[in-house]
Amino acid sequence: NVKPLIQVRSRRVGGATYQVPMEVKRKRATSLATRWILDATRKKKGRPMFKRLADELIMAYRREGAAMSTRDNVHKMAEANKAFAHLTW
């Protein structure tokens, strides 16, 4: 559930830098999701790592938690910049 479908990438055109939305390849989506889950787990304190990781995985299954909010932010950013989609290379 945490895997992103689209992301923004910087593209320099004529001296200006645009955030261009692009599709995410399957392997990169998996690595991003794993990274976001581990980052969200590491930010929480007070419990053993295995319990924090288990909680974050359960929250990801329910489409909640910090990793899902990171994914939602990436999707919102891509949606906001879809006017620059024609700059895809």
PDB file of N, CA and C in Angstrom:
ATOM      1  N   ASN A   1       0.804  -1.200   0.000  1.00  0.00           N
ATOM      2  CA  ASN A   1       0.000   0.000   0.000  1.00  0.00           C
ATOM      3  C   ASN A   1       0.846   1.263   0.000  1.00  0.00           C
ATOM      4  N   VAL A   2       2.064   1.175   0.449  1.00  0.00           N
ATOM      5  CA  VAL A   2       2.910   2.359   0.581  1.00  0.00           C
ATOM      6  C   VAL A   2       3.632   2.680  -0.725  1.00  0.00           C
ATOM      7  N   LYS A   3       3.681   1.751  -1.656  1.00  0.00           N
ATOM      8  CA  LYS A   3       4.405   1.996  -2.903  1.00  0.00           C
ATOM      9  C   LYS A   3       3.806   3.178  -3.669  1.00  0.00           C
ATOM     10  N   PRO A   4       4.654   4.136  -4.070  1.00  0.00           N
ATOM     11  CA  PRO A   4       4.146   5.274  -4.839  1.00  0.00           C
ATOM     12  C   PRO A   4       3.917   4.891  -6.300  1.00  0.00           C
ATOM     13  N   LEU A   5       2.915   5.483  -6.915  1.00  0.00           N
ATOM     14  CA  LEU A   5       2.643   5.252  -8.326  1.00  0.00           C
ATOM     15  C   LEU A   5       3.345   6.288  -9.196  1.00  0.00           C
ATOM     16  N   ILE A   6       3.409   7.531  -8.695  1.00  0.00           N
ATOM     17  CA  ILE A   6       4.082   8.613  -9.414  1.00  0.00           C
ATOM     18  C   ILE A   6       4.938   9.396  -8.439  1.00  0.00           C
ATOM     19  N   GLN A   7       5.929  10.084  -8.976  1.00  0.00           N
ATOM     20  CA  GLN A   7       6.790  10.936  -8.176  1.00  0.00           C
ATOM     21  C   GLN A   7       7.179  12.145  -9.008  1.00  0.00           C
ATOM     22  N   VAL A   8       7.749  13.154  -8.388  1.00  0.00           N
ATOM     23  CA  VAL A   8       8.233  14.309  -9.136  1.00  0.00           C
ATOM     24  C   VAL A   8       9.746  14.236  -9.228  1.00  0.00           C
ATOM     25  N   ARG A   9      10.269  14.624 -10.388  1.00  0.00           N
ATOM     26  CA  ARG A   9      11.703  14.675 -10.611  1.00  0.00           C
ATOM     27  C   ARG A   9      12.033  16.039 -11.174  1.00  0.00           C
ATOM     28  N   SER A  10      13.161  16.571 -10.781  1.00  0.00           N
ATOM     29  CA  SER A  10      13.567  17.889 -11.251  1.00  0.00           C
ATOM     30  C   SER A  10      14.040  17.799 -12.694  1.00  0.00           C
ATOM     31  N   ARG A  11      13.618  18.774 -13.472  1.00  0.00           N
ATOM     32  CA  ARG A  11      14.000  18.839 -14.889  1.00  0.00           C
ATOM     33  C   ARG A  11      14.335  20.285 -15.203  1.00  0.00           C
ATOM     34  N   ARG A  12      15.517  20.516 -15.711  1.00  0.00           N
ATOM     35  CA  ARG A  12      15.966  21.865 -16.025  1.00  0.00           C
ATOM     36  C   ARG A  12      15.688  22.152 -17.491  1.00  0.00           C
ATOM     37  N   VAL A  13      14.902  23.205 -17.739  1.00  0.00           N
ATOM     38  CA  VAL A  13      14.534  23.584 -19.097  1.00  0.00           C
ATOM     39  C   VAL A  13      14.722  25.090 -19.241  1.00  0.00           C
ATOM     40  N   GLY A  14      15.638  25.481 -20.102  1.00  0.00           N
ATOM     41  CA  GLY A  14      15.829  26.895 -20.408  1.00  0.00           C
ATOM     42  C   GLY A  14      16.143  27.758 -19.200  1.00  0.00           C
ATOM     43  N   GLY A  15      16.953  27.283 -18.280  1.00  0.00           N
ATOM     44  CA  GLY A  15      17.328  28.072 -17.117  1.00  0.00           C
ATOM     45  C   GLY A  15      16.377  27.959 -15.946  1.00  0.00           C
ATOM     46  N   ALA A  16      15.248  27.330 -16.131  1.00  0.00           N
ATOM     47  CA  ALA A  16      14.291  27.154 -15.037  1.00  0.00           C
ATOM     48  C   ALA A  16      14.230  25.669 -14.665  1.00  0.00           C
ATOM     49  N   THR A  17      13.992  25.409 -13.399  1.00  0.00           N
ATOM     50  CA  THR A  17      13.876  24.033 -12.926  1.00  0.00           C
ATOM     51  C   THR A  17      12.416  23.736 -12.626  1.00  0.00           C
ATOM     52  N   TYR A  18      11.898  22.666 -13.213  1.00  0.00           N
ATOM     53  CA  TYR A  18      10.508  22.271 -13.027  1.00  0.00           C
ATOM     54  C   TYR A  18      10.453  20.936 -12.310  1.00  0.00           C
ATOM     55  N   GLN A  19       9.425  20.748 -11.509  1.00  0.00           N
ATOM     56  CA  GLN A  19       9.155  19.462 -10.879  1.00  0.00           C
ATOM     57  C   GLN A  19       8.198  18.712 -11.790  1.00  0.00           C
ATOM     58  N   VAL A  20       8.715  17.724 -12.492  1.00  0.00           N
ATOM     59  CA  VAL A  20       7.939  16.997 -13.504  1.00  0.00           C
ATOM     60  C   VAL A  20       7.445  15.672 -12.916  1.00  0.00           C
ATOM     61  N   PRO A  21       6.132  15.423 -12.940  1.00  0.00           N
ATOM     62  CA  PRO A  21       5.636  14.126 -12.443  1.00  0.00           C
ATOM     63  C   PRO A  21       5.951  13.002 -13.426  1.00  0.00           C
ATOM     64  N   MET A  22       6.413  11.879 -12.881  1.00  0.00           N
ATOM     65  CA  MET A  22       6.759  10.713 -13.690  1.00  0.00           C
ATOM     66  C   MET A  22       6.296   9.456 -12.978  1.00  0.00           C
ATOM     67  N   GLU A  23       6.052   8.412 -13.749  1.00  0.00           N
ATOM     68  CA  GLU A  23       5.706   7.119 -13.160  1.00  0.00           C
ATOM     69  C   GLU A  23       6.935   6.532 -12.479  1.00  0.00           C
ATOM     70  N   VAL A  24       6.698   5.737 -11.450  1.00  0.00           N
ATOM     71  CA  VAL A  24       7.778   5.103 -10.703  1.00  0.00           C
ATOM     72  C   VAL A  24       7.883   3.653 -11.155  1.00  0.00           C
ATOM     73  N   LYS A  25       9.102   3.223 -11.449  1.00  0.00           N
ATOM     74  CA  LYS A  25       9.310   1.825 -11.815  1.00  0.00           C
ATOM     75  C   LYS A  25       9.068   0.935 -10.606  1.00  0.00           C
ATOM     76  N   ARG A  26       8.725  -0.305 -10.863  1.00  0.00           N
ATOM     77  CA  ARG A  26       8.323  -1.238  -9.803  1.00  0.00           C
ATOM     78  C   ARG A  26       9.417  -1.427  -8.751  1.00  0.00           C
ATOM     79  N   LYS A  27      10.654  -1.570  -9.191  1.00  0.00           N
ATOM     80  CA  LYS A  27      11.755  -1.798  -8.254  1.00  0.00           C
ATOM     81  C   LYS A  27      11.996  -0.566  -7.382  1.00  0.00           C
ATOM     82  N   ARG A  28      11.941   0.615  -7.985  1.00  0.00           N
ATOM     83  CA  ARG A  28      12.131   1.851  -7.215  1.00  0.00           C
ATOM     84  C   ARG A  28      10.976   2.071  -6.242  1.00  0.00           C
ATOM     85  N   ALA A  29       9.758   1.741  -6.651  1.00  0.00           N
ATOM     86  CA  ALA A  29       8.606   1.891  -5.764  1.00  0.00           C
ATOM     87  C   ALA A  29       8.766   1.025  -4.519  1.00  0.00           C
ATOM     88  N   THR A  30       9.248  -0.189  -4.706  1.00  0.00           N
ATOM     89  CA  THR A  30       9.465  -1.084  -3.572  1.00  0.00           C
ATOM     90  C   THR A  30      10.540  -0.541  -2.645  1.00  0.00           C
ATOM     91  N   SER A  31      11.629  -0.040  -3.221  1.00  0.00           N
ATOM     92  CA  SER A  31      12.706   0.472  -2.376  1.00  0.00           C
ATOM     93  C   SER A  31      12.278   1.743  -1.646  1.00  0.00           C
ATOM     94  N   LEU A  32      11.513   2.611  -2.309  1.00  0.00           N
ATOM     95  CA  LEU A  32      11.015   3.813  -1.643  1.00  0.00           C
ATOM     96  C   LEU A  32      10.072   3.460  -0.494  1.00  0.00           C
ATOM     97  N   ALA A  33       9.171   2.512  -0.725  1.00  0.00           N
ATOM     98  CA  ALA A  33       8.228   2.104   0.313  1.00  0.00           C
ATOM     99  C   ALA A  33       8.972   1.526   1.514  1.00  0.00           C
ATOM    100  N   THR A  34       9.961   0.687   1.261  1.00  0.00           N
ATOM    101  CA  THR A  34      10.751   0.103   2.341  1.00  0.00           C
ATOM    102  C   THR A  34      11.477   1.190   3.120  1.00  0.00           C
ATOM    103  N   ARG A  35      12.074   2.129   2.407  1.00  0.00           N
ATOM    104  CA  ARG A  35      12.799   3.220   3.047  1.00  0.00           C
ATOM    105  C   ARG A  35      11.866   4.073   3.911  1.00  0.00           C
ATOM    106  N   TRP A  36      10.682   4.380   3.390  1.00  0.00           N
ATOM    107  CA  TRP A  36       9.740   5.209   4.141  1.00  0.00           C
ATOM    108  C   TRP A  36       9.248   4.497   5.394  1.00  0.00           C
ATOM    109  N   ILE A  37       9.000   3.203   5.297  1.00  0.00           N
ATOM    110  CA  ILE A  37       8.547   2.437   6.461  1.00  0.00           C
ATOM    111  C   ILE A  37       9.638   2.401   7.527  1.00  0.00           C
ATOM    112  N   LEU A  38      10.875   2.157   7.112  1.00  0.00           N
ATOM    113  CA  LEU A  38      11.970   2.110   8.079  1.00  0.00           C
ATOM    114  C   LEU A  38      12.234   3.484   8.696  1.00  0.00           C
ATOM    115  N   ASP A  39      12.155   4.544   7.896  1.00  0.00           N
ATOM    116  CA  ASP A  39      12.348   5.896   8.439  1.00  0.00           C
ATOM    117  C   ASP A  39      11.268   6.238   9.462  1.00  0.00           C
ATOM    118  N   ALA A  40      10.031   5.897   9.145  1.00  0.00           N
ATOM    119  CA  ALA A  40       8.934   6.159  10.077  1.00  0.00           C
ATOM    120  C   ALA A  40       9.118   5.359  11.362  1.00  0.00           C
ATOM    121  N   THR A  41       9.612   4.146  11.237  1.00  0.00           N
ATOM    122  CA  THR A  41       9.842   3.296  12.398  1.00  0.00           C
ATOM    123  C   THR A  41      10.964   3.846  13.265  1.00  0.00           C
ATOM    124  N   ARG A  42      12.035   4.314  12.627  1.00  0.00           N
ATOM    125  CA  ARG A  42      13.186   4.831  13.378  1.00  0.00           C
ATOM    126  C   ARG A  42      12.878   6.130  14.103  1.00  0.00           C
ATOM    127  N   LYS A  43      11.932   6.918  13.586  1.00  0.00           N
ATOM    128  CA  LYS A  43      11.597   8.193  14.218  1.00  0.00           C
ATOM    129  C   LYS A  43      10.823   8.012  15.525  1.00  0.00           C
ATOM    130  N   LYS A  44      10.146   6.889  15.657  1.00  0.00           N
ATOM    131  CA  LYS A  44       9.395   6.631  16.888  1.00  0.00           C
ATOM    132  C   LYS A  44      10.355   6.103  17.952  1.00  0.00           C
ATOM    133  N   LYS A  45      10.133   6.499  19.196  1.00  0.00           N
ATOM    134  CA  LYS A  45      11.022   6.080  20.283  1.00  0.00           C
ATOM    135  C   LYS A  45      10.214   5.412  21.390  1.00  0.00           C
ATOM    136  N   GLY A  46      10.928   4.716  22.259  1.00  0.00           N
ATOM    137  CA  GLY A  46      10.303   4.191  23.455  1.00  0.00           C
ATOM    138  C   GLY A  46       9.954   2.715  23.445  1.00  0.00           C
ATOM    139  N   ARG A  47       9.987   2.084  22.305  1.00  0.00           N
ATOM    140  CA  ARG A  47       9.653   0.660  22.228  1.00  0.00           C
ATOM    141  C   ARG A  47      10.739  -0.047  21.443  1.00  0.00           C
ATOM    142  N   PRO A  48      10.832  -1.363  21.572  1.00  0.00           N
ATOM    143  CA  PRO A  48      11.818  -2.102  20.774  1.00  0.00           C
ATOM    144  C   PRO A  48      11.523  -1.966  19.275  1.00  0.00           C
ATOM    145  N   MET A  49      12.584  -2.045  18.488  1.00  0.00           N
ATOM    146  CA  MET A  49      12.466  -1.830  17.048  1.00  0.00           C
ATOM    147  C   MET A  49      11.484  -2.806  16.406  1.00  0.00           C
ATOM    148  N   PHE A  50      11.482  -4.056  16.809  1.00  0.00           N
ATOM    149  CA  PHE A  50      10.609  -5.033  16.153  1.00  0.00           C
ATOM    150  C   PHE A  50       9.136  -4.702  16.382  1.00  0.00           C
ATOM    151  N   LYS A  51       8.812  -4.140  17.548  1.00  0.00           N
ATOM    152  CA  LYS A  51       7.419  -3.768  17.810  1.00  0.00           C
ATOM    153  C   LYS A  51       7.020  -2.527  17.031  1.00  0.00           C
ATOM    154  N   ARG A  52       7.940  -1.565  16.932  1.00  0.00           N
ATOM    155  CA  ARG A  52       7.645  -0.364  16.146  1.00  0.00           C
ATOM    156  C   ARG A  52       7.462  -0.708  14.679  1.00  0.00           C
ATOM    157  N   LEU A  53       8.312  -1.603  14.174  1.00  0.00           N
ATOM    158  CA  LEU A  53       8.208  -2.022  12.776  1.00  0.00           C
ATOM    159  C   LEU A  53       6.904  -2.775  12.536  1.00  0.00           C
ATOM    160  N   ALA A  54       6.535  -3.640  13.454  1.00  0.00           N
ATOM    161  CA  ALA A  54       5.274  -4.379  13.316  1.00  0.00           C
ATOM    162  C   ALA A  54       4.091  -3.422  13.305  1.00  0.00           C
ATOM    163  N   ASP A  55       4.121  -2.413  14.183  1.00  0.00           N
ATOM    164  CA  ASP A  55       3.040  -1.420  14.225  1.00  0.00           C
ATOM    165  C   ASP A  55       2.960  -0.641  12.916  1.00  0.00           C
ATOM    166  N   GLU A  56       4.111  -0.246  12.385  1.00  0.00           N
ATOM    167  CA  GLU A  56       4.118   0.534  11.136  1.00  0.00           C
ATOM    168  C   GLU A  56       3.612  -0.311   9.967  1.00  0.00           C
ATOM    169  N   LEU A  57       3.961  -1.585   9.931  1.00  0.00           N
ATOM    170  CA  LEU A  57       3.476  -2.464   8.863  1.00  0.00           C
ATOM    171  C   LEU A  57       1.959  -2.657   8.957  1.00  0.00           C
ATOM    172  N   ILE A  58       1.456  -2.792  10.169  1.00  0.00           N
ATOM    173  CA  ILE A  58       0.009  -2.925  10.343  1.00  0.00           C
ATOM    174  C   ILE A  58      -0.699  -1.641   9.922  1.00  0.00           C
ATOM    175  N   MET A  59      -0.119  -0.498  10.287  1.00  0.00           N
ATOM    176  CA  MET A  59      -0.714   0.779   9.887  1.00  0.00           C
ATOM    177  C   MET A  59      -0.666   0.958   8.371  1.00  0.00           C
ATOM    178  N   ALA A  60       0.410   0.489   7.730  1.00  0.00           N
ATOM    179  CA  ALA A  60       0.500   0.575   6.271  1.00  0.00           C
ATOM    180  C   ALA A  60      -0.578  -0.299   5.625  1.00  0.00           C
ATOM    181  N   TYR A  61      -0.842  -1.447   6.209  1.00  0.00           N
ATOM    182  CA  TYR A  61      -1.904  -2.319   5.710  1.00  0.00           C
ATOM    183  C   TYR A  61      -3.260  -1.628   5.794  1.00  0.00           C
ATOM    184  N   ARG A  62      -3.456  -0.853   6.870  1.00  0.00           N
ATOM    185  CA  ARG A  62      -4.717  -0.129   7.065  1.00  0.00           C
ATOM    186  C   ARG A  62      -4.744   1.216   6.337  1.00  0.00           C
ATOM    187  N   ARG A  63      -3.678   1.524   5.610  1.00  0.00           N
ATOM    188  CA  ARG A  63      -3.510   2.802   4.895  1.00  0.00           C
ATOM    189  C   ARG A  63      -3.492   3.988   5.858  1.00  0.00           C
ATOM    190  N   GLU A  64      -2.741   3.838   6.942  1.00  0.00           N
ATOM    191  CA  GLU A  64      -2.549   4.892   7.938  1.00  0.00           C
ATOM    192  C   GLU A  64      -1.061   4.976   8.231  1.00  0.00           C
ATOM    193  N   GLY A  65      -0.676   5.897   9.085  1.00  0.00           N
ATOM    194  CA  GLY A  65       0.693   5.963   9.575  1.00  0.00           C
ATOM    195  C   GLY A  65       1.560   6.945   8.805  1.00  0.00           C
ATOM    196  N   ALA A  66       2.780   7.078   9.291  1.00  0.00           N
ATOM    197  CA  ALA A  66       3.715   8.061   8.739  1.00  0.00           C
ATOM    198  C   ALA A  66       4.167   7.702   7.320  1.00  0.00           C
ATOM    199  N   ALA A  67       4.374   6.435   7.041  1.00  0.00           N
ATOM    200  CA  ALA A  67       4.814   6.031   5.704  1.00  0.00           C
ATOM    201  C   ALA A  67       3.727   6.320   4.661  1.00  0.00           C
ATOM    202  N   MET A  68       2.475   6.103   5.021  1.00  0.00           N
ATOM    203  CA  MET A  68       1.379   6.403   4.093  1.00  0.00           C
ATOM    204  C   MET A  68       1.232   7.901   3.889  1.00  0.00           C
ATOM    205  N   SER A  69       1.472   8.699   4.926  1.00  0.00           N
ATOM    206  CA  SER A  69       1.383  10.146   4.751  1.00  0.00           C
ATOM    207  C   SER A  69       2.504  10.644   3.852  1.00  0.00           C
ATOM    208  N   THR A  70       3.676  10.017   3.917  1.00  0.00           N
ATOM    209  CA  THR A  70       4.765  10.367   3.005  1.00  0.00           C
ATOM    210  C   THR A  70       4.363  10.068   1.573  1.00  0.00           C
ATOM    211  N   ARG A  71       3.766   8.902   1.341  1.00  0.00           N
ATOM    212  CA  ARG A  71       3.299   8.534  -0.001  1.00  0.00           C
ATOM    213  C   ARG A  71       2.235   9.512  -0.491  1.00  0.00           C
ATOM    214  N   ASP A  72       1.303   9.871   0.382  1.00  0.00           N
ATOM    215  CA  ASP A  72       0.255  10.813   0.005  1.00  0.00           C
ATOM    216  C   ASP A  72       0.834  12.180  -0.347  1.00  0.00           C
ATOM    217  N   ASN A  73       1.860  12.612   0.392  1.00  0.00           N
ATOM    218  CA  ASN A  73       2.502  13.888   0.082  1.00  0.00           C
ATOM    219  C   ASN A  73       3.186  13.859  -1.281  1.00  0.00           C
ATOM    220  N   VAL A  74       3.821  12.738  -1.612  1.00  0.00           N
ATOM    221  CA  VAL A  74       4.467  12.597  -2.923  1.00  0.00           C
ATOM    222  C   VAL A  74       3.415  12.657  -4.031  1.00  0.00           C
ATOM    223  N   HIS A  75       2.289  11.996  -3.833  1.00  0.00           N
ATOM    224  CA  HIS A  75       1.223  11.996  -4.836  1.00  0.00           C
ATOM    225  C   HIS A  75       0.595  13.385  -4.976  1.00  0.00           C
ATOM    226  N   LYS A  76       0.422  14.100  -3.857  1.00  0.00           N
ATOM    227  CA  LYS A  76      -0.132  15.455  -3.918  1.00  0.00           C
ATOM    228  C   LYS A  76       0.794  16.385  -4.676  1.00  0.00           C
ATOM    229  N   MET A  77       2.105  16.245  -4.442  1.00  0.00           N
ATOM    230  CA  MET A  77       3.069  17.081  -5.131  1.00  0.00           C
ATOM    231  C   MET A  77       3.040  16.806  -6.635  1.00  0.00           C
ATOM    232  N   ALA A  78       2.930  15.545  -7.008  1.00  0.00           N
ATOM    233  CA  ALA A  78       2.865  15.185  -8.422  1.00  0.00           C
ATOM    234  C   ALA A  78       1.576  15.705  -9.053  1.00  0.00           C
ATOM    235  N   GLU A  79       0.483  15.638  -8.324  1.00  0.00           N
ATOM    236  CA  GLU A  79      -0.800  16.144  -8.831  1.00  0.00           C
ATOM    237  C   GLU A  79      -0.752  17.653  -9.002  1.00  0.00           C
ATOM    238  N   ALA A  80      -0.095  18.350  -8.085  1.00  0.00           N
ATOM    239  CA  ALA A  80      -0.002  19.805  -8.172  1.00  0.00           C
ATOM    240  C   ALA A  80       0.860  20.253  -9.349  1.00  0.00           C
ATOM    241  N   ASN A  81       1.795  19.414  -9.770  1.00  0.00           N
ATOM    242  CA  ASN A  81       2.709  19.779 -10.843  1.00  0.00           C
ATOM    243  C   ASN A  81       2.390  19.075 -12.159  1.00  0.00           C
ATOM    244  N   LYS A  82       1.170  18.574 -12.316  1.00  0.00           N
ATOM    245  CA  LYS A  82       0.852  17.836 -13.537  1.00  0.00           C
ATOM    246  C   LYS A  82       0.824  18.738 -14.766  1.00  0.00           C
ATOM    247  N   ALA A  83       0.833  20.063 -14.578  1.00  0.00           N
ATOM    248  CA  ALA A  83       0.890  20.978 -15.719  1.00  0.00           C
ATOM    249  C   ALA A  83       2.226  20.860 -16.454  1.00  0.00           C
ATOM    250  N   PHE A  84       3.244  20.351 -15.765  1.00  0.00           N
ATOM    251  CA  PHE A  84       4.563  20.205 -16.373  1.00  0.00           C
ATOM    252  C   PHE A  84       4.804  18.795 -16.904  1.00  0.00           C
ATOM    253  N   ALA A  85       3.766  17.999 -17.002  1.00  0.00           N
ATOM    254  CA  ALA A  85       3.907  16.614 -17.453  1.00  0.00           C
ATOM    255  C   ALA A  85       4.403  16.525 -18.896  1.00  0.00           C
ATOM    256  N   HIS A  86       4.177  17.556 -19.675  1.00  0.00           N
ATOM    257  CA  HIS A  86       4.626  17.532 -21.080  1.00  0.00           C
ATOM    258  C   HIS A  86       6.151  17.631 -21.184  1.00  0.00           C
ATOM    259  N   LEU A  87       6.838  17.937 -20.091  1.00  0.00           N
ATOM    260  CA  LEU A  87       8.297  18.035 -20.092  1.00  0.00           C
ATOM    261  C   LEU A  87       8.973  16.707 -19.809  1.00  0.00           C
ATOM    262  N   THR A  88       8.205  15.638 -19.769  1.00  0.00           N
ATOM    263  CA  THR A  88       8.769  14.312 -19.482  1.00  0.00           C
ATOM    264  C   THR A  88       9.756  13.935 -20.568  1.00  0.00           C
ATOM    265  N   TRP A  89      10.870  13.339 -20.157  1.00  0.00           N
ATOM    266  CA  TRP A  89      11.869  12.925 -21.139  1.00  0.00           C
ATOM    267  C   TRP A  89      11.911  11.442 -21.297  1.00  0.00           C
TER     268      TRP A  89
END
